[in-house]
Amino acid sequence: MKYLTIFATILLLATPAMANQPYGIWKTQTGKSGAYLLVEVIDCANDSSKLCAEIREVINSENREIVGKPIFWSLESTKAGNWVNGEVWDVENDKIYAAKVTVGESQLRVEGCVSIFCDGQNWLRAD
């Protein structure tokens, strides 16, 4: 019984921390055409200390050739819930920007920046 209580306590303490993790499937905001993406956030294959994301599904668009492509990559953790110094691909204008990502309980803020000017989207957790 003692071990069950310890396990339950650990699980309860870990749940809020896990909720603020970026990993998993996220739904992007709907674009001008009505399309959106389902994106999987993962550790980068070439450096597991960095954060990457790949397009897993395209919704309301025939643009299927982008499935499997990276949408952001090489982000470094600066503090809990914040990643910087990576790059993000803007699918709609086919440009790459400096990236930063901030994770909340149920949303991921993904921003592309040029110099000090940033714009981005709030993605919602899909899984």
Protein backbone atom coordinates (compact mmCIF):
# COMPACT_ATOMS: atom_id res chain seq x y z
CA MET A 1 0.00 0.00 0.00
CA LYS A 2 2.89 2.33 0.80
CA TYR A 3 4.29 1.96 -2.74
CA LEU A 4 0.89 2.67 -4.30
CA THR A 5 0.62 5.91 -2.31
CA ILE A 6 4.14 6.96 -3.35
CA PHE A 7 3.39 6.16 -7.01
CA ALA A 8 0.09 8.11 -6.91
CA THR A 9 1.85 11.10 -5.35
CA ILE A 10 4.59 11.07 -8.01
CA LEU A 11 1.98 10.81 -10.76
CA LEU A 12 0.01 13.76 -9.39
CA LEU A 13 3.14 15.88 -9.07
CA ALA A 14 4.35 14.97 -12.57
CA THR A 15 1.06 15.67 -14.37
CA PRO A 16 1.29 19.51 -14.31
CA ALA A 17 4.90 19.38 -15.48
CA MET A 18 4.01 17.02 -18.29
CA ALA A 19 1.13 19.27 -19.36
CA ASN A 20 3.64 22.05 -20.08
CA GLN A 21 5.81 19.91 -22.30
CA PRO A 22 5.88 20.76 -26.02
CA TYR A 23 5.98 17.16 -27.23
CA GLY A 24 3.03 15.69 -29.09
CA ILE A 25 0.63 16.66 -31.85
CA TRP A 26 -0.44 20.30 -32.26
CA LYS A 27 -3.04 21.93 -34.53
CA THR A 28 -1.85 25.11 -36.23
CA GLN A 29 -4.12 28.10 -36.71
CA THR A 30 -6.26 28.02 -39.84
CA GLY A 31 -4.62 29.84 -42.74
CA LYS A 32 -6.12 32.23 -45.28
CA SER A 33 -7.20 29.31 -47.48
CA GLY A 34 -8.99 27.51 -44.63
CA ALA A 35 -6.25 24.88 -44.33
CA TYR A 36 -4.39 23.93 -41.19
CA LEU A 37 -1.72 21.45 -40.18
CA LEU A 38 -1.24 18.79 -37.57
CA VAL A 39 2.36 19.05 -36.42
CA GLU A 40 4.34 16.69 -34.21
CA VAL A 41 6.86 18.28 -31.84
CA ILE A 42 9.80 15.99 -31.11
CA ASP A 43 13.45 16.02 -30.08
CA CYS A 44 15.67 16.73 -33.08
CA ALA A 45 17.07 13.54 -34.60
CA ASN A 46 20.61 14.93 -34.85
CA ASP A 47 20.59 16.53 -31.35
CA SER A 48 18.10 15.33 -28.75
CA SER A 49 18.76 18.41 -26.59
CA LYS A 50 17.06 20.56 -29.24
CA LEU A 51 13.41 20.84 -30.27
CA CYS A 52 12.05 20.12 -33.76
CA ALA A 53 8.63 19.70 -35.37
CA GLU A 54 7.39 17.90 -38.48
CA ILE A 55 4.16 18.20 -40.45
CA ARG A 56 2.10 15.03 -39.97
CA GLU A 57 -1.15 15.93 -41.73
CA VAL A 58 -2.61 18.67 -43.93
CA ILE A 59 -6.31 19.46 -43.43
CA ASN A 60 -8.52 21.22 -46.03
CA SER A 61 -5.79 21.38 -48.66
CA GLU A 62 -4.46 19.27 -51.50
CA ASN A 63 -0.88 20.27 -50.58
CA ARG A 64 0.11 16.78 -49.36
CA GLU A 65 3.76 16.95 -50.49
CA ILE A 66 4.65 18.91 -47.34
CA VAL A 67 3.72 16.00 -45.04
CA GLY A 68 6.88 14.84 -43.26
CA LYS A 69 8.71 18.13 -43.77
CA PRO A 70 10.14 20.01 -40.80
CA ILE A 71 8.29 23.17 -39.79
CA PHE A 72 10.69 24.26 -37.04
CA TRP A 73 14.06 22.92 -35.98
CA SER A 74 17.13 23.33 -33.77
CA LEU A 75 15.44 25.25 -30.95
CA GLU A 76 17.41 25.42 -27.71
CA SER A 77 15.81 25.44 -24.27
CA THR A 78 16.48 28.63 -22.31
CA LYS A 79 14.22 27.97 -19.33
CA ALA A 80 11.20 25.83 -18.58
CA GLY A 81 8.72 26.18 -21.43
CA ASN A 82 10.85 28.42 -23.68
CA TRP A 83 12.96 27.57 -26.72
CA VAL A 84 14.95 29.94 -28.97
CA ASN A 85 17.73 30.13 -31.57
CA GLY A 86 16.07 27.83 -34.08
CA GLU A 87 14.35 28.36 -37.40
CA VAL A 88 10.72 28.12 -38.51
CA TRP A 89 9.34 27.64 -42.02
CA ASP A 90 6.27 29.73 -42.88
CA VAL A 91 4.37 27.36 -45.16
CA GLU A 92 2.09 30.07 -46.60
CA ASN A 93 4.88 32.35 -47.87
CA ASP A 94 7.62 29.68 -48.13
CA LYS A 95 10.12 31.70 -46.06
CA ILE A 96 12.32 30.75 -43.12
CA TYR A 97 12.60 32.92 -40.01
CA ALA A 98 14.42 32.87 -36.69
CA ALA A 99 12.16 30.94 -34.32
CA LYS A 100 11.11 30.92 -30.72
CA VAL A 101 8.56 28.69 -29.03
CA THR A 102 6.76 29.03 -25.71
CA VAL A 103 4.60 26.26 -24.31
CA GLY A 104 1.56 26.76 -22.11
CA GLU A 105 -0.86 24.28 -20.62
CA SER A 106 -2.90 23.79 -23.80
CA GLN A 107 -1.23 25.98 -26.41
CA LEU A 108 2.11 26.38 -28.10
CA ARG A 109 3.16 29.88 -29.18
CA VAL A 110 5.33 29.58 -32.30
CA GLU A 111 6.94 32.79 -33.54
CA GLY A 112 9.06 33.71 -36.51
CA CYS A 113 11.27 36.76 -36.15
CA VAL A 114 13.22 39.18 -38.33
CA SER A 115 15.53 41.21 -36.13
CA ILE A 116 13.42 42.26 -33.12
CA PHE A 117 10.09 42.00 -34.98
CA CYS A 118 8.18 38.78 -34.35
CA ASP A 119 4.83 37.36 -35.39
CA GLY A 120 3.38 33.94 -34.85
CA GLN A 121 0.55 31.60 -34.08
CA ASN A 122 -0.95 29.91 -31.06
CA TRP A 123 -1.22 26.19 -31.77
CA LEU A 124 -3.66 24.02 -29.81
CA ARG A 125 -2.85 20.58 -28.45
CA ALA A 126 -4.45 17.93 -30.66
CA ASP A 127 -3.50 14.80 -28.70
